Amino acid sequence: MINLQDVLDEWKTDSKIDEINLDETSRQSPILHAKYLELFSLAKLQLKQAEHKQKSLLKKKFLYYNGKMPQEDIEKEGWNYDPFDGLRILKTDLNYYYEGDKEIQESEERIEYWKTVVAALKEILDSVKWRHQTIRNMIEWRKFTSGD
């Protein structure tokens, strides 16, 4: 699993530009691009997988909360046979149960996590794409300050 904090820590190191060896730093750009593109692709796949798992979970929970799930499936999931503890619930109140369901919340947290990882990696990739421009600007600034 891709750990967001590890990615951000790596980027703190990888994002540094060696001002003395600008040519070598420039040559490292494709390597960085490949590294973060791979992580980006894997994170997008993890996000899609989490979204598909949530859809399956929501279907199961719909059947469960609406009393349409067979008892053997409820037992297989390890859920309480009566999700409302004997209370009669209006259909308009079901959203409170969906929103308060721990498994659904955990699924939403996983999706949010992967969205955050994907967004961070997208930003990193954009930075790597424009890294050559930053290096060029540094070279141009050196020329300007040296009088060339």
Protein backbone atom coordinates (compact mmCIF):
# COMPACT_ATOMS: atom_id res chain seq x y z
CA MET A 1 0.00 0.00 0.00
CA ILE A 2 1.20 3.46 -0.83
CA ASN A 3 1.69 5.54 2.29
CA LEU A 4 0.96 9.22 1.75
CA GLN A 5 3.38 10.39 4.43
CA ASP A 6 6.19 8.31 2.88
CA VAL A 7 5.48 9.80 -0.55
CA LEU A 8 5.53 13.32 0.84
CA ASP A 9 8.77 12.65 2.74
CA GLU A 10 10.38 11.24 -0.41
CA TRP A 11 9.24 14.27 -2.39
CA LYS A 12 10.86 16.60 0.15
CA THR A 13 14.16 14.93 -0.75
CA ASP A 14 13.53 14.44 -4.47
CA SER A 15 12.29 17.97 -5.05
CA LYS A 16 15.59 19.58 -4.07
CA ILE A 17 17.54 21.05 -6.95
CA ASP A 18 21.32 20.89 -6.69
CA GLU A 19 22.28 24.43 -7.66
CA ILE A 20 25.87 23.41 -8.35
CA ASN A 21 25.05 20.47 -10.66
CA LEU A 22 22.08 21.76 -12.62
CA ASP A 23 22.90 19.51 -15.57
CA GLU A 24 22.77 16.38 -13.40
CA THR A 25 19.58 17.60 -11.74
CA SER A 26 18.06 18.07 -15.17
CA ARG A 27 19.05 14.52 -16.17
CA GLN A 28 17.30 13.18 -13.04
CA SER A 29 13.93 14.62 -14.09
CA PRO A 30 12.86 11.66 -16.27
CA ILE A 31 13.80 9.26 -13.47
CA LEU A 32 11.68 11.22 -11.00
CA HIS A 33 8.85 11.38 -13.50
CA ALA A 34 8.91 7.60 -13.95
CA LYS A 35 9.01 7.03 -10.18
CA TYR A 36 6.05 9.27 -9.39
CA LEU A 37 4.09 8.23 -12.49
CA GLU A 38 4.25 4.63 -11.29
CA LEU A 39 3.01 5.64 -7.83
CA PHE A 40 0.30 7.81 -9.39
CA SER A 41 -0.93 4.95 -11.57
CA LEU A 42 -0.99 2.51 -8.66
CA ALA A 43 -2.83 5.02 -6.47
CA LYS A 44 -5.47 5.58 -9.17
CA LEU A 45 -6.02 1.84 -9.36
CA GLN A 46 -6.31 1.61 -5.57
CA LEU A 47 -8.87 4.44 -5.63
CA LYS A 48 -10.94 2.66 -8.27
CA GLN A 49 -10.76 -0.59 -6.31
CA ALA A 50 -11.91 1.20 -3.12
CA GLU A 51 -14.81 2.78 -5.03
CA HIS A 52 -15.89 -0.63 -6.37
CA LYS A 53 -15.71 -2.18 -2.92
CA GLN A 54 -17.84 0.63 -1.55
CA LYS A 55 -20.49 0.08 -4.22
CA SER A 56 -20.70 -3.58 -3.22
CA LEU A 57 -20.87 -2.62 0.45
CA LEU A 58 -23.62 -0.07 -0.20
CA LYS A 59 -25.66 -2.67 -2.07
CA LYS A 60 -25.31 -5.10 0.84
CA LYS A 61 -26.19 -2.40 3.35
CA PHE A 62 -29.22 -1.39 1.29
CA LEU A 63 -30.50 -4.96 1.38
CA TYR A 64 -29.64 -5.23 5.07
CA TYR A 65 -31.33 -2.02 6.20
CA ASN A 66 -34.39 -2.62 4.03
CA GLY A 67 -34.91 -6.15 5.40
CA LYS A 68 -34.25 -7.80 2.06
CA MET A 69 -31.03 -9.62 2.94
CA PRO A 70 -31.32 -13.34 3.65
CA GLN A 71 -30.49 -14.43 7.21
CA GLU A 72 -27.57 -16.59 6.08
CA ASP A 73 -25.96 -13.57 4.34
CA ILE A 74 -26.45 -11.47 7.47
CA GLU A 75 -24.77 -14.18 9.54
CA LYS A 76 -21.99 -14.52 6.98
CA GLU A 77 -21.30 -10.78 7.29
CA GLY A 78 -21.43 -10.99 11.08
CA TRP A 79 -24.08 -8.30 11.34
CA ASN A 80 -26.88 -8.02 13.89
CA TYR A 81 -30.09 -9.58 12.59
CA ASP A 82 -32.09 -6.47 13.53
CA PRO A 83 -30.19 -3.32 12.54
CA PHE A 84 -32.73 -1.09 14.29
CA ASP A 85 -32.83 -2.89 17.66
CA GLY A 86 -36.58 -3.35 17.48
CA LEU A 87 -37.40 0.24 16.51
CA ARG A 88 -39.68 1.04 13.61
CA ILE A 89 -37.81 3.32 11.23
CA LEU A 90 -39.25 5.52 8.52
CA LYS A 91 -37.63 5.23 5.11
CA THR A 92 -36.75 8.92 5.33
CA ASP A 93 -34.67 8.16 8.44
CA LEU A 94 -32.59 5.43 6.79
CA ASN A 95 -29.96 7.97 5.73
CA TYR A 96 -29.03 8.46 9.40
CA TYR A 97 -28.26 4.77 9.62
CA TYR A 98 -26.26 4.77 6.38
CA GLU A 99 -24.27 7.83 7.45
CA GLY A 100 -23.69 6.41 10.93
CA ASP A 101 -22.70 2.94 9.73
CA LYS A 102 -19.10 2.27 10.76
CA GLU A 103 -18.28 0.11 7.73
CA ILE A 104 -19.61 2.70 5.29
CA GLN A 105 -17.66 5.43 7.09
CA GLU A 106 -14.46 3.39 6.90
CA SER A 107 -15.07 2.80 3.20
CA GLU A 108 -15.56 6.52 2.63
CA GLU A 109 -12.35 7.24 4.57
CA ARG A 110 -10.42 4.81 2.34
CA ILE A 111 -11.78 6.52 -0.76
CA GLU A 112 -10.89 9.95 0.61
CA TYR A 113 -7.40 8.72 1.47
CA TRP A 114 -6.81 7.46 -2.07
CA LYS A 115 -8.22 10.66 -3.56
CA THR A 116 -5.74 12.61 -1.44
CA VAL A 117 -2.85 10.36 -2.53
CA VAL A 118 -3.84 10.72 -6.19
CA ALA A 119 -4.11 14.51 -5.88
CA ALA A 120 -0.73 14.78 -4.15
CA LEU A 121 0.96 12.62 -6.77
CA LYS A 122 -0.67 14.65 -9.55
CA GLU A 123 0.80 17.81 -8.04
CA ILE A 124 4.21 16.17 -7.74
CA LEU A 125 4.07 15.02 -11.37
CA ASP A 126 3.14 18.53 -12.49
CA SER A 127 6.10 19.88 -10.56
CA VAL A 128 8.43 17.33 -12.16
CA LYS A 129 7.06 18.21 -15.61
CA TRP A 130 7.97 21.86 -15.11
CA ARG A 131 11.26 21.20 -13.31
CA HIS A 132 13.24 21.89 -16.50
CA GLN A 133 11.70 25.36 -16.60
CA THR A 134 12.83 26.06 -13.04
CA ILE A 135 16.35 24.92 -13.92
CA ARG A 136 16.34 27.08 -17.04
CA ASN A 137 15.24 30.08 -14.99
CA MET A 138 18.08 29.45 -12.54
CA ILE A 139 20.58 29.37 -15.40
CA GLU A 140 19.14 32.53 -16.91
CA TRP A 141 19.31 34.28 -13.53
CA ARG A 142 22.96 33.29 -13.17
CA LYS A 143 23.69 34.71 -16.61
CA PHE A 144 21.90 37.92 -15.73
CA THR A 145 23.66 38.39 -12.38
CA SER A 146 27.08 37.59 -13.88
CA GLY A 147 26.61 40.18 -16.63
CA ASP A 148 26.50 37.75 -19.56
